[in-house]
Amino acid sequence: VQLVESGGGLVQAGGSLRLSCAASGILFGLYTMGWYRQAPGKQRELVARIDNIERVDYAHSAKGRFTISRDDAKNTMYLQMNSVNPEDTALYFCDANSLRMNRDFWGQGTQVTVSS
């Protein structure tokens, strides 16, 4: 199983980024996919998640600015990040979770750095 994040980088406050998570080795359409982030010295926190029928859930900090989506034909999940601010600086992780199959997989993360 592989989850590979991409799209991170350095962006100015107010700018946009689009993160991608490409999955392989799993039946992608059966999994709830999520984006989490971890800033230095802080715990990992949920940013957004989307289940296999595309119901979405956002952290309060992400609502109205970020949009999560998935393309099951491409086994890929996305996070469109708009109006970013320095508090969004973190390592962003992709998660694939299936409670039904008792499976949970994580990617290695992609760094997002927002300059003020």
Protein backbone atom coordinates (compact mmCIF):
# COMPACT_ATOMS: atom_id res chain seq x y z
CA VAL A 1 0.00 0.00 0.00
CA GLN A 2 1.28 3.46 -0.90
CA LEU A 3 -0.14 6.90 -0.28
CA VAL A 4 1.94 9.58 -1.93
CA GLU A 5 1.28 13.23 -1.20
CA SER A 6 2.38 16.02 -3.51
CA GLY A 7 1.74 19.69 -4.14
CA GLY A 8 3.20 21.17 -1.00
CA GLY A 9 5.62 24.06 -1.02
CA LEU A 10 6.19 27.65 -0.05
CA VAL A 11 3.34 30.09 -0.64
CA GLN A 12 2.63 33.62 0.45
CA ALA A 13 -0.22 34.40 2.78
CA GLY A 14 -3.43 34.79 0.84
CA GLY A 15 -2.27 32.43 -1.86
CA SER A 16 -3.43 28.98 -2.91
CA LEU A 17 -2.10 25.46 -3.11
CA ARG A 18 -3.53 22.17 -4.31
CA LEU A 19 -2.41 19.03 -2.57
CA SER A 20 -2.80 15.59 -4.09
CA CYS A 21 -2.71 12.13 -2.57
CA ALA A 22 -2.24 9.24 -4.97
CA ALA A 23 -3.11 5.83 -3.56
CA SER A 24 -2.10 2.38 -4.71
CA GLY A 25 -2.56 -1.08 -3.30
CA ILE A 26 -6.00 -0.43 -1.84
CA LEU A 27 -9.59 -0.53 -3.09
CA PHE A 28 -9.66 3.24 -3.05
CA GLY A 29 -13.41 3.59 -3.48
CA LEU A 30 -14.05 1.75 -0.23
CA TYR A 31 -12.00 4.07 1.95
CA THR A 32 -12.68 7.30 3.78
CA MET A 33 -9.85 9.60 2.79
CA GLY A 34 -8.58 12.37 4.97
CA TRP A 35 -6.08 15.18 5.18
CA TYR A 36 -4.37 15.78 8.49
CA ARG A 37 -1.63 18.21 9.42
CA GLN A 38 0.98 18.54 12.09
CA ALA A 39 2.79 21.75 12.92
CA PRO A 40 6.03 21.76 14.91
CA GLY A 41 5.36 21.15 18.58
CA LYS A 42 1.68 20.40 17.99
CA GLN A 43 -0.43 17.29 17.71
CA ARG A 44 -1.60 15.97 14.38
CA GLU A 45 -5.07 17.31 13.60
CA LEU A 46 -7.78 16.62 11.09
CA VAL A 47 -8.10 19.13 8.27
CA ALA A 48 -10.80 17.49 6.16
CA ARG A 49 -12.10 14.07 5.18
CA ILE A 50 -14.34 12.63 2.53
CA ASP A 51 -16.03 9.26 2.69
CA ASN A 52 -16.77 6.82 -0.09
CA ILE A 53 -20.07 8.52 -0.96
CA GLU A 54 -18.40 11.93 -0.86
CA ARG A 55 -19.78 13.20 2.39
CA VAL A 56 -17.28 15.73 3.66
CA ASP A 57 -16.19 16.97 7.04
CA TYR A 58 -13.96 19.97 7.71
CA ALA A 59 -12.09 21.30 10.68
CA HIS A 60 -13.35 24.71 11.72
CA SER A 61 -10.09 26.28 10.57
CA ALA A 62 -10.55 24.86 7.07
CA LYS A 63 -14.21 25.67 6.47
CA GLY A 64 -14.76 28.20 3.72
CA ARG A 65 -11.12 28.14 2.62
CA PHE A 66 -10.25 24.52 1.81
CA THR A 67 -12.06 22.04 -0.42
CA ILE A 68 -11.52 18.31 -0.29
CA SER A 69 -12.37 16.11 -3.26
CA ARG A 70 -11.64 12.68 -4.65
CA ASP A 71 -11.42 11.04 -8.04
CA ASP A 72 -11.99 7.32 -7.58
CA ALA A 73 -11.14 6.62 -11.22
CA LYS A 74 -7.65 8.01 -10.54
CA ASN A 75 -7.32 6.70 -6.97
CA THR A 76 -6.50 10.25 -5.96
CA MET A 77 -7.67 12.71 -3.34
CA TYR A 78 -7.16 16.46 -3.43
CA LEU A 79 -7.14 19.41 -1.09
CA GLN A 80 -7.60 22.82 -2.62
CA MET A 81 -6.26 25.36 -0.16
CA ASN A 82 -7.25 28.99 -0.68
CA SER A 83 -6.59 32.11 1.38
CA VAL A 84 -3.83 30.38 3.27
CA ASN A 85 -2.26 32.01 6.30
CA PRO A 86 0.91 31.31 8.35
CA GLU A 87 -1.13 29.17 10.78
CA ASP A 88 -1.62 26.69 7.93
CA THR A 89 2.11 25.94 7.94
CA ALA A 90 2.48 22.24 8.70
CA LEU A 91 3.32 18.83 7.36
CA TYR A 92 0.18 17.59 5.61
CA PHE A 93 -0.60 13.89 5.67
CA CYS A 94 -2.95 11.75 3.66
CA ASP A 95 -4.92 9.02 5.44
CA ALA A 96 -6.97 6.14 4.08
CA ASN A 97 -9.31 4.56 6.59
CA SER A 98 -11.78 1.74 6.51
CA LEU A 99 -13.50 0.92 9.79
CA ARG A 100 -15.28 -1.94 8.07
CA MET A 101 -12.02 -3.60 7.09
CA ASN A 102 -10.12 -2.33 10.14
CA ARG A 103 -7.48 -0.76 7.92
CA ASP A 104 -5.73 2.57 8.26
CA PHE A 105 -2.86 3.79 6.09
CA TRP A 106 -0.81 6.98 6.11
CA GLY A 107 1.37 8.79 3.64
CA GLN A 108 4.73 10.35 4.41
CA GLY A 109 3.48 13.91 4.24
CA THR A 110 4.07 17.01 2.18
CA GLN A 111 5.29 20.25 3.71
CA VAL A 112 3.25 23.42 3.36
CA THR A 113 4.91 26.64 4.43
CA VAL A 114 3.03 29.93 4.34
CA SER A 115 5.04 33.12 4.56
CA SER A 116 3.57 36.32 5.94
